[in-house]
Amino acid sequence: MLTRFWVALAAAISGCTTAPQTYVGEKPELDLSRYFDGHVEAHGMFQNRFGKVVKRFTVAIDGRWNGPVGTLDERFVYSDGSKERRVWTITRVSDHEWRGTAADVVGEAVGESRGNALNWRYVLRLAVDGSTWDMRFDDWMFLVDDKVMLNRATMSKFGIELGQVLISFRKP
């Protein structure tokens, strides 16, 4: 009886997620190596779990690919004037599977793409109030057309959602 309670509680906390296969056949087809080849600009915001916008930001991204391996150099500028840089190394493992690493990513990011969508999951080490927290990210990217991609990421710790990141990417 107690075991069923914990299983039900875990299911309620984690919620239901959509599988990438849901987007098979959706167009245009998302290929990270094609979209993030060259310069991409982005605008985004972080909302806490209560919906309050805590930070806004812009990102300049420069991507280079050598076969199945790409480097994404991301330069963030936040609304409070602070700056941050993240350099991703992304590898296409198969037609639909991607892996990625960055200095502040714990372990490896794992992604699956189908149709116009990519689900990207990873743990990001973030500085929070003078300490560091390992935050779980569940990113969903959707290619709208050959120039625009939208991204919604849910950020959680200990299975509790702490906020969401919304980003609009645009190729010049």
N, C-alpha and C. Protein backbone atom coordinates (compact mmCIF):
# COMPACT_ATOMS: atom_id res chain seq x y z
N MET A 1 0.82 -1.19 0.00
CA MET A 1 0.00 0.00 0.00
C MET A 1 0.87 1.26 0.00
N LEU A 2 1.87 1.30 0.88
CA LEU A 2 2.76 2.45 0.96
C LEU A 2 3.55 2.62 -0.33
N THR A 3 3.95 1.51 -0.95
CA THR A 3 4.70 1.57 -2.20
C THR A 3 3.85 2.23 -3.29
N ARG A 4 2.58 1.87 -3.39
CA ARG A 4 1.68 2.48 -4.38
C ARG A 4 1.57 3.98 -4.16
N PHE A 5 1.54 4.40 -2.90
CA PHE A 5 1.49 5.83 -2.60
C PHE A 5 2.70 6.54 -3.18
N TRP A 6 3.91 5.99 -2.94
CA TRP A 6 5.13 6.65 -3.43
C TRP A 6 5.20 6.65 -4.96
N VAL A 7 4.75 5.58 -5.60
CA VAL A 7 4.72 5.54 -7.06
C VAL A 7 3.75 6.59 -7.58
N ALA A 8 2.58 6.70 -6.98
CA ALA A 8 1.60 7.70 -7.41
C ALA A 8 2.13 9.11 -7.19
N LEU A 9 2.78 9.34 -6.05
CA LEU A 9 3.34 10.66 -5.76
C LEU A 9 4.43 11.01 -6.78
N ALA A 10 5.31 10.07 -7.08
CA ALA A 10 6.38 10.32 -8.06
C ALA A 10 5.79 10.63 -9.43
N ALA A 11 4.74 9.93 -9.82
CA ALA A 11 4.10 10.18 -11.11
C ALA A 11 3.45 11.56 -11.13
N ALA A 12 2.84 11.94 -10.04
CA ALA A 12 2.19 13.26 -9.97
C ALA A 12 3.21 14.39 -10.03
N ILE A 13 4.35 14.20 -9.35
CA ILE A 13 5.37 15.25 -9.35
C ILE A 13 6.02 15.38 -10.72
N SER A 14 6.35 14.24 -11.34
CA SER A 14 7.05 14.29 -12.61
C SER A 14 6.13 14.68 -13.75
N GLY A 15 4.85 14.40 -13.63
CA GLY A 15 3.90 14.76 -14.67
C GLY A 15 4.07 13.87 -15.88
N CYS A 16 3.23 14.09 -16.85
CA CYS A 16 3.31 13.33 -18.09
C CYS A 16 4.13 14.12 -19.08
N THR A 17 4.95 13.42 -19.83
CA THR A 17 5.75 14.10 -20.84
C THR A 17 5.39 13.57 -22.21
N THR A 18 5.57 14.42 -23.19
CA THR A 18 5.36 14.05 -24.58
C THR A 18 6.63 13.40 -25.09
N ALA A 19 6.50 12.37 -25.90
CA ALA A 19 7.66 11.71 -26.49
C ALA A 19 8.01 12.40 -27.81
N PRO A 20 9.29 12.46 -28.15
CA PRO A 20 9.69 13.06 -29.44
C PRO A 20 8.99 12.41 -30.63
N GLN A 21 8.66 11.12 -30.54
CA GLN A 21 7.99 10.44 -31.65
C GLN A 21 6.66 11.09 -32.02
N THR A 22 6.09 11.85 -31.10
CA THR A 22 4.84 12.55 -31.36
C THR A 22 4.97 13.47 -32.58
N TYR A 23 6.19 13.93 -32.86
CA TYR A 23 6.41 14.94 -33.91
C TYR A 23 6.96 14.37 -35.21
N VAL A 24 7.00 13.05 -35.33
CA VAL A 24 7.43 12.43 -36.58
C VAL A 24 6.56 12.96 -37.72
N GLY A 25 7.20 13.38 -38.79
CA GLY A 25 6.46 13.89 -39.95
C GLY A 25 6.20 15.38 -39.93
N GLU A 26 6.39 16.02 -38.78
CA GLU A 26 6.20 17.48 -38.72
C GLU A 26 7.32 18.17 -39.50
N LYS A 27 6.96 19.19 -40.23
CA LYS A 27 7.91 19.93 -41.07
C LYS A 27 8.00 21.37 -40.60
N PRO A 28 9.10 22.05 -40.82
CA PRO A 28 10.32 21.53 -41.44
C PRO A 28 11.07 20.63 -40.46
N GLU A 29 11.83 19.68 -40.99
CA GLU A 29 12.57 18.77 -40.14
C GLU A 29 13.75 19.49 -39.49
N LEU A 30 13.90 19.29 -38.18
CA LEU A 30 14.98 19.93 -37.43
C LEU A 30 16.25 19.09 -37.52
N ASP A 31 17.30 19.73 -37.98
CA ASP A 31 18.64 19.15 -38.00
C ASP A 31 19.54 20.17 -37.31
N LEU A 32 20.00 19.86 -36.10
CA LEU A 32 20.81 20.81 -35.33
C LEU A 32 22.03 21.28 -36.11
N SER A 33 22.67 20.38 -36.83
CA SER A 33 23.89 20.75 -37.56
C SER A 33 23.60 21.73 -38.69
N ARG A 34 22.42 21.68 -39.24
CA ARG A 34 22.05 22.63 -40.29
C ARG A 34 21.61 23.96 -39.68
N TYR A 35 20.76 23.90 -38.63
CA TYR A 35 20.24 25.14 -38.05
C TYR A 35 21.33 25.93 -37.35
N PHE A 36 22.17 25.26 -36.57
CA PHE A 36 23.21 25.95 -35.81
C PHE A 36 24.55 25.98 -36.55
N ASP A 37 24.51 26.11 -37.86
CA ASP A 37 25.73 26.28 -38.64
C ASP A 37 25.85 27.75 -38.98
N GLY A 38 26.83 28.43 -38.41
CA GLY A 38 26.97 29.87 -38.60
C GLY A 38 26.42 30.62 -37.40
N HIS A 39 25.97 31.85 -37.65
CA HIS A 39 25.52 32.73 -36.57
C HIS A 39 24.01 32.62 -36.35
N VAL A 40 23.61 32.56 -35.08
CA VAL A 40 22.20 32.55 -34.67
C VAL A 40 22.07 33.50 -33.49
N GLU A 41 21.00 34.28 -33.47
CA GLU A 41 20.72 35.18 -32.34
C GLU A 41 19.50 34.66 -31.60
N ALA A 42 19.46 34.93 -30.29
CA ALA A 42 18.34 34.46 -29.49
C ALA A 42 17.96 35.50 -28.45
N HIS A 43 16.69 35.47 -28.07
CA HIS A 43 16.16 36.31 -26.99
C HIS A 43 15.39 35.38 -26.07
N GLY A 44 15.53 35.59 -24.75
CA GLY A 44 14.85 34.70 -23.84
C GLY A 44 14.58 35.32 -22.49
N MET A 45 13.94 34.50 -21.66
CA MET A 45 13.64 34.93 -20.30
C MET A 45 13.51 33.70 -19.42
N PHE A 46 13.78 33.92 -18.13
CA PHE A 46 13.57 32.88 -17.13
C PHE A 46 12.42 33.32 -16.24
N GLN A 47 11.45 32.43 -16.07
CA GLN A 47 10.32 32.66 -15.16
C GLN A 47 10.43 31.68 -14.01
N ASN A 48 10.24 32.18 -12.77
CA ASN A 48 10.26 31.26 -11.63
C ASN A 48 8.97 30.43 -11.63
N ARG A 49 8.85 29.54 -10.67
CA ARG A 49 7.70 28.62 -10.65
C ARG A 49 6.37 29.32 -10.43
N PHE A 50 6.40 30.58 -10.02
CA PHE A 50 5.16 31.34 -9.83
C PHE A 50 4.81 32.18 -11.06
N GLY A 51 5.65 32.10 -12.11
CA GLY A 51 5.39 32.82 -13.35
C GLY A 51 6.03 34.19 -13.44
N LYS A 52 6.74 34.61 -12.40
CA LYS A 52 7.39 35.92 -12.42
C LYS A 52 8.65 35.86 -13.29
N VAL A 53 8.79 36.82 -14.19
CA VAL A 53 10.00 36.91 -15.01
C VAL A 53 11.12 37.43 -14.12
N VAL A 54 12.15 36.60 -13.94
CA VAL A 54 13.26 36.92 -13.06
C VAL A 54 14.42 37.53 -13.84
N LYS A 55 14.68 37.01 -15.05
CA LYS A 55 15.77 37.50 -15.88
C LYS A 55 15.38 37.43 -17.35
N ARG A 56 15.84 38.42 -18.08
CA ARG A 56 15.73 38.42 -19.54
C ARG A 56 17.16 38.38 -20.09
N PHE A 57 17.31 37.89 -21.32
CA PHE A 57 18.66 37.79 -21.86
C PHE A 57 18.65 37.73 -23.39
N THR A 58 19.81 38.02 -23.95
CA THR A 58 20.06 37.80 -25.37
C THR A 58 21.25 36.84 -25.46
N VAL A 59 21.33 36.13 -26.59
CA VAL A 59 22.43 35.19 -26.81
C VAL A 59 22.89 35.32 -28.25
N ALA A 60 24.20 35.44 -28.42
CA ALA A 60 24.82 35.37 -29.74
C ALA A 60 25.48 33.99 -29.82
N ILE A 61 25.10 33.21 -30.83
CA ILE A 61 25.60 31.84 -30.96
C ILE A 61 26.34 31.71 -32.28
N ASP A 62 27.54 31.16 -32.21
CA ASP A 62 28.30 30.86 -33.42
C ASP A 62 28.55 29.36 -33.45
N GLY A 63 28.10 28.71 -34.52
CA GLY A 63 28.23 27.27 -34.65
C GLY A 63 29.16 26.88 -35.79
N ARG A 64 29.98 25.86 -35.51
CA ARG A 64 30.88 25.30 -36.52
C ARG A 64 30.77 23.78 -36.44
N TRP A 65 30.76 23.14 -37.59
CA TRP A 65 30.62 21.68 -37.64
C TRP A 65 31.75 21.05 -38.43
N ASN A 66 32.21 19.92 -37.93
CA ASN A 66 33.19 19.10 -38.62
C ASN A 66 32.61 17.70 -38.65
N GLY A 67 31.90 17.39 -39.73
CA GLY A 67 31.20 16.12 -39.81
C GLY A 67 30.09 16.08 -38.77
N PRO A 68 30.03 15.01 -37.95
CA PRO A 68 28.96 14.88 -36.97
C PRO A 68 29.19 15.65 -35.68
N VAL A 69 30.34 16.35 -35.56
CA VAL A 69 30.67 17.05 -34.32
C VAL A 69 30.62 18.55 -34.54
N GLY A 70 29.88 19.22 -33.66
CA GLY A 70 29.75 20.68 -33.76
C GLY A 70 30.15 21.38 -32.47
N THR A 71 30.53 22.63 -32.62
CA THR A 71 30.84 23.49 -31.47
C THR A 71 29.90 24.69 -31.53
N LEU A 72 29.15 24.90 -30.46
CA LEU A 72 28.27 26.07 -30.35
C LEU A 72 28.85 26.98 -29.28
N ASP A 73 29.27 28.16 -29.69
CA ASP A 73 29.83 29.15 -28.77
C ASP A 73 28.72 30.14 -28.45
N GLU A 74 28.19 30.08 -27.22
CA GLU A 74 27.06 30.90 -26.80
C GLU A 74 27.54 32.02 -25.89
N ARG A 75 27.17 33.26 -26.21
CA ARG A 75 27.53 34.41 -25.37
C ARG A 75 26.24 35.09 -24.92
N PHE A 76 25.98 34.99 -23.61
CA PHE A 76 24.76 35.52 -23.00
C PHE A 76 25.01 36.92 -22.45
N VAL A 77 24.03 37.80 -22.59
CA VAL A 77 24.01 39.09 -21.91
C VAL A 77 22.66 39.18 -21.22
N TYR A 78 22.68 39.32 -19.88
CA TYR A 78 21.46 39.32 -19.08
C TYR A 78 20.97 40.74 -18.82
N SER A 79 19.70 40.85 -18.47
CA SER A 79 19.07 42.15 -18.23
C SER A 79 19.72 42.92 -17.08
N ASP A 80 20.39 42.23 -16.18
CA ASP A 80 21.07 42.92 -15.08
C ASP A 80 22.49 43.34 -15.45
N GLY A 81 22.89 43.12 -16.73
CA GLY A 81 24.21 43.51 -17.21
C GLY A 81 25.26 42.41 -17.11
N SER A 82 24.95 41.33 -16.42
CA SER A 82 25.94 40.25 -16.30
C SER A 82 26.07 39.50 -17.63
N LYS A 83 27.20 38.84 -17.78
CA LYS A 83 27.50 38.10 -19.02
C LYS A 83 27.93 36.69 -18.67
N GLU A 84 27.72 35.80 -19.62
CA GLU A 84 28.08 34.41 -19.42
C GLU A 84 28.41 33.81 -20.79
N ARG A 85 29.32 32.84 -20.77
CA ARG A 85 29.67 32.14 -22.01
C ARG A 85 29.59 30.64 -21.77
N ARG A 86 28.98 29.94 -22.71
CA ARG A 86 28.91 28.48 -22.65
C ARG A 86 29.32 27.97 -24.03
N VAL A 87 30.23 27.01 -24.05
CA VAL A 87 30.67 26.40 -25.30
C VAL A 87 30.26 24.93 -25.28
N TRP A 88 29.35 24.58 -26.17
CA TRP A 88 28.86 23.21 -26.28
C TRP A 88 29.67 22.46 -27.34
N THR A 89 29.92 21.20 -27.09
CA THR A 89 30.38 20.27 -28.12
C THR A 89 29.24 19.29 -28.30
N ILE A 90 28.69 19.26 -29.50
CA ILE A 90 27.52 18.43 -29.78
C ILE A 90 27.88 17.40 -30.83
N THR A 91 27.48 16.16 -30.60
CA THR A 91 27.78 15.08 -31.53
C THR A 91 26.48 14.41 -31.98
N ARG A 92 26.37 14.23 -33.29
CA ARG A 92 25.24 13.46 -33.84
C ARG A 92 25.63 11.99 -33.72
N VAL A 93 24.88 11.25 -32.91
CA VAL A 93 25.18 9.84 -32.66
C VAL A 93 24.49 8.96 -33.70
N SER A 94 23.29 9.35 -34.11
CA SER A 94 22.52 8.63 -35.14
C SER A 94 21.60 9.65 -35.80
N ASP A 95 20.73 9.17 -36.68
CA ASP A 95 19.80 10.08 -37.37
C ASP A 95 18.97 10.92 -36.40
N HIS A 96 18.66 10.37 -35.24
CA HIS A 96 17.76 11.04 -34.30
C HIS A 96 18.34 11.28 -32.92
N GLU A 97 19.59 10.86 -32.68
CA GLU A 97 20.16 10.97 -31.34
C GLU A 97 21.36 11.92 -31.34
N TRP A 98 21.38 12.78 -30.31
CA TRP A 98 22.42 13.78 -30.13
C TRP A 98 22.98 13.69 -28.72
N ARG A 99 24.25 13.98 -28.57
CA ARG A 99 24.90 14.05 -27.25
C ARG A 99 25.66 15.36 -27.17
N GLY A 100 25.76 15.92 -25.97
CA GLY A 100 26.46 17.19 -25.83
C GLY A 100 27.15 17.34 -24.50
N THR A 101 28.22 18.14 -24.51
CA THR A 101 28.94 18.46 -23.29
C THR A 101 29.26 19.95 -23.28
N ALA A 102 29.42 20.49 -22.09
CA ALA A 102 29.86 21.86 -21.88
C ALA A 102 30.49 21.90 -20.49
N ALA A 103 31.29 22.90 -20.21
CA ALA A 103 32.01 22.97 -18.94
C ALA A 103 31.08 22.95 -17.73
N ASP A 104 29.88 23.56 -17.84
CA ASP A 104 28.96 23.61 -16.71
C ASP A 104 27.83 22.59 -16.80
N VAL A 105 27.94 21.64 -17.72
CA VAL A 105 26.98 20.55 -17.82
C VAL A 105 27.56 19.35 -17.07
N VAL A 106 26.78 18.80 -16.16
CA VAL A 106 27.21 17.65 -15.37
C VAL A 106 26.98 16.40 -16.22
N GLY A 107 28.04 15.70 -16.53
CA GLY A 107 27.91 14.52 -17.38
C GLY A 107 27.66 14.92 -18.82
N GLU A 108 26.67 14.30 -19.41
CA GLU A 108 26.41 14.48 -20.84
C GLU A 108 24.94 14.83 -21.07
N ALA A 109 24.69 15.76 -21.98
CA ALA A 109 23.32 16.06 -22.41
C ALA A 109 22.91 15.01 -23.44
N VAL A 110 21.66 14.61 -23.39
CA VAL A 110 21.15 13.61 -24.32
C VAL A 110 19.95 14.20 -25.03
N GLY A 111 19.94 14.10 -26.36
CA GLY A 111 18.84 14.65 -27.13
C GLY A 111 18.30 13.67 -28.13
N GLU A 112 17.00 13.80 -28.41
CA GLU A 112 16.35 13.01 -29.45
C GLU A 112 15.52 13.94 -30.31
N SER A 113 15.73 13.84 -31.62
CA SER A 113 14.98 14.69 -32.54
C SER A 113 14.07 13.82 -33.41
N ARG A 114 12.90 14.37 -33.68
CA ARG A 114 11.93 13.75 -34.59
C ARG A 114 11.14 14.88 -35.22
N GLY A 115 10.97 14.83 -36.53
CA GLY A 115 10.23 15.88 -37.21
C GLY A 115 10.85 17.24 -36.95
N ASN A 116 10.03 18.19 -36.51
CA ASN A 116 10.52 19.56 -36.26
C ASN A 116 10.94 19.78 -34.80
N ALA A 117 11.02 18.71 -34.01
CA ALA A 117 11.24 18.86 -32.57
C ALA A 117 12.50 18.14 -32.09
N LEU A 118 13.06 18.70 -31.01
CA LEU A 118 14.17 18.06 -30.31
C LEU A 118 13.89 18.14 -28.82
N ASN A 119 14.03 17.02 -28.13
CA ASN A 119 13.96 17.00 -26.67
C ASN A 119 15.38 16.79 -26.17
N TRP A 120 15.85 17.72 -25.36
CA TRP A 120 17.24 17.78 -24.91
C TRP A 120 17.21 17.76 -23.39
N ARG A 121 17.87 16.78 -22.75
CA ARG A 121 17.86 16.65 -21.28
C ARG A 121 19.28 16.66 -20.74
N TYR A 122 19.47 17.43 -19.68
CA TYR A 122 20.80 17.54 -19.09
C TYR A 122 20.72 18.15 -17.70
N VAL A 123 21.84 18.10 -16.99
CA VAL A 123 21.97 18.73 -15.68
C VAL A 123 22.97 19.86 -15.84
N LEU A 124 22.56 21.06 -15.45
CA LEU A 124 23.41 22.24 -15.58
C LEU A 124 23.79 22.73 -14.19
N ARG A 125 25.08 22.97 -13.99
CA ARG A 125 25.57 23.48 -12.71
C ARG A 125 25.47 25.00 -12.75
N LEU A 126 24.61 25.57 -11.89
CA LEU A 126 24.35 27.01 -11.88
C LEU A 126 24.77 27.64 -10.56
N ALA A 127 25.27 28.86 -10.66
CA ALA A 127 25.58 29.64 -9.46
C ALA A 127 24.28 30.27 -8.97
N VAL A 128 23.93 30.02 -7.70
CA VAL A 128 22.71 30.55 -7.10
C VAL A 128 23.04 31.07 -5.72
N ASP A 129 22.90 32.38 -5.55
CA ASP A 129 23.11 33.01 -4.24
C ASP A 129 24.40 32.56 -3.54
N GLY A 130 25.51 32.60 -4.28
CA GLY A 130 26.80 32.29 -3.68
C GLY A 130 27.15 30.81 -3.59
N SER A 131 26.28 29.94 -4.03
CA SER A 131 26.60 28.51 -4.05
C SER A 131 26.28 27.95 -5.44
N THR A 132 26.53 26.68 -5.64
CA THR A 132 26.20 26.08 -6.94
C THR A 132 25.14 25.01 -6.74
N TRP A 133 24.23 24.95 -7.70
CA TRP A 133 23.16 23.97 -7.69
C TRP A 133 23.19 23.21 -9.00
N ASP A 134 22.97 21.91 -8.94
CA ASP A 134 22.84 21.10 -10.14
C ASP A 134 21.35 21.05 -10.49
N MET A 135 21.00 21.70 -11.59
CA MET A 135 19.61 21.83 -12.00
C MET A 135 19.33 20.95 -13.22
N ARG A 136 18.25 20.21 -13.18
CA ARG A 136 17.86 19.35 -14.29
C ARG A 136 17.05 20.18 -15.30
N PHE A 137 17.45 20.09 -16.57
CA PHE A 137 16.75 20.79 -17.64
C PHE A 137 16.10 19.78 -18.57
N ASP A 138 14.87 20.07 -18.94
CA ASP A 138 14.14 19.30 -19.94
C ASP A 138 13.74 20.30 -21.02
N ASP A 139 14.55 20.35 -22.08
CA ASP A 139 14.38 21.32 -23.17
C ASP A 139 13.57 20.72 -24.31
N TRP A 140 12.69 21.53 -24.85
CA TRP A 140 11.98 21.18 -26.07
C TRP A 140 12.21 22.30 -27.07
N MET A 141 12.78 21.96 -28.22
CA MET A 141 13.01 22.93 -29.29
C MET A 141 12.12 22.57 -30.46
N PHE A 142 11.50 23.60 -31.08
CA PHE A 142 10.62 23.39 -32.22
C PHE A 142 11.00 24.33 -33.35
N LEU A 143 11.37 23.76 -34.49
CA LEU A 143 11.70 24.56 -35.66
C LEU A 143 10.40 25.04 -36.29
N VAL A 144 10.25 26.36 -36.39
CA VAL A 144 9.05 26.96 -36.96
C VAL A 144 9.19 27.07 -38.47
N ASP A 145 10.32 27.60 -38.91
CA ASP A 145 10.67 27.67 -40.32
C ASP A 145 12.19 27.67 -40.41
N ASP A 146 12.75 27.93 -41.60
CA ASP A 146 14.21 27.82 -41.73
C ASP A 146 14.97 28.90 -40.96
N LYS A 147 14.28 29.91 -40.44
CA LYS A 147 14.93 31.00 -39.70
C LYS A 147 14.63 31.01 -38.21
N VAL A 148 13.47 30.53 -37.79
CA VAL A 148 13.01 30.67 -36.39
C VAL A 148 12.84 29.31 -35.71
N MET A 149 13.36 29.23 -34.49
CA MET A 149 13.15 28.06 -33.65
C MET A 149 12.76 28.56 -32.25
N LEU A 150 11.80 27.88 -31.64
CA LEU A 150 11.36 28.22 -30.29
C LEU A 150 11.80 27.13 -29.33
N ASN A 151 12.14 27.53 -28.10
CA ASN A 151 12.64 26.62 -27.08
C ASN A 151 11.94 26.90 -25.76
N ARG A 152 11.47 25.82 -25.14
CA ARG A 152 10.89 25.91 -23.80
C ARG A 152 11.58 24.87 -22.93
N ALA A 153 12.20 25.32 -21.87
CA ALA A 153 12.91 24.41 -20.98
C ALA A 153 12.31 24.48 -19.59
N THR A 154 12.11 23.33 -19.00
CA THR A 154 11.65 23.25 -17.62
C THR A 154 12.87 22.94 -16.75
N MET A 155 13.04 23.71 -15.69
CA MET A 155 14.18 23.55 -14.81
C MET A 155 13.67 23.01 -13.47
N SER A 156 14.32 21.94 -12.98
CA SER A 156 13.86 21.35 -11.72
C SER A 156 15.04 20.89 -10.87
N LYS A 157 14.75 20.69 -9.60
CA LYS A 157 15.72 20.14 -8.65
C LYS A 157 14.92 19.23 -7.70
N PHE A 158 15.46 18.04 -7.47
CA PHE A 158 14.78 17.05 -6.63
C PHE A 158 13.37 16.75 -7.14
N GLY A 159 13.18 16.83 -8.47
CA GLY A 159 11.88 16.54 -9.06
C GLY A 159 10.85 17.65 -8.93
N ILE A 160 11.25 18.78 -8.38
CA ILE A 160 10.32 19.91 -8.20
C ILE A 160 10.66 20.98 -9.22
N GLU A 161 9.67 21.38 -10.01
CA GLU A 161 9.88 22.42 -11.01
C GLU A 161 10.15 23.76 -10.33
N LEU A 162 11.26 24.39 -10.72
CA LEU A 162 11.63 25.69 -10.14
C LEU A 162 11.37 26.84 -11.10
N GLY A 163 11.23 26.53 -12.38
CA GLY A 163 10.97 27.60 -13.34
C GLY A 163 11.08 27.10 -14.77
N GLN A 164 10.91 28.06 -15.69
CA GLN A 164 10.99 27.76 -17.11
C GLN A 164 11.80 28.82 -17.83
N VAL A 165 12.48 28.35 -18.86
CA VAL A 165 13.23 29.24 -19.73
C VAL A 165 12.55 29.22 -21.09
N LEU A 166 12.26 30.39 -21.63
CA LEU A 166 11.67 30.51 -22.96
C LEU A 166 12.68 31.23 -23.84
N ILE A 167 12.94 30.69 -25.03
CA ILE A 167 13.92 31.29 -25.93
C ILE A 167 13.37 31.26 -27.36
N SER A 168 13.60 32.36 -28.08
CA SER A 168 13.31 32.43 -29.50
C SER A 168 14.64 32.60 -30.24
N PHE A 169 14.97 31.63 -31.09
CA PHE A 169 16.20 31.67 -31.89
C PHE A 169 15.86 32.22 -33.27
N ARG A 170 16.79 32.99 -33.85
CA ARG A 170 16.58 33.52 -35.20
C ARG A 170 17.88 33.54 -35.95
N LYS A 171 17.85 32.95 -37.16
CA LYS A 171 18.99 33.01 -38.06
C LYS A 171 18.86 34.26 -38.92
N PRO A 172 19.98 34.97 -39.12
CA PRO A 172 19.90 36.18 -39.97
C PRO A 172 19.60 35.84 -41.44
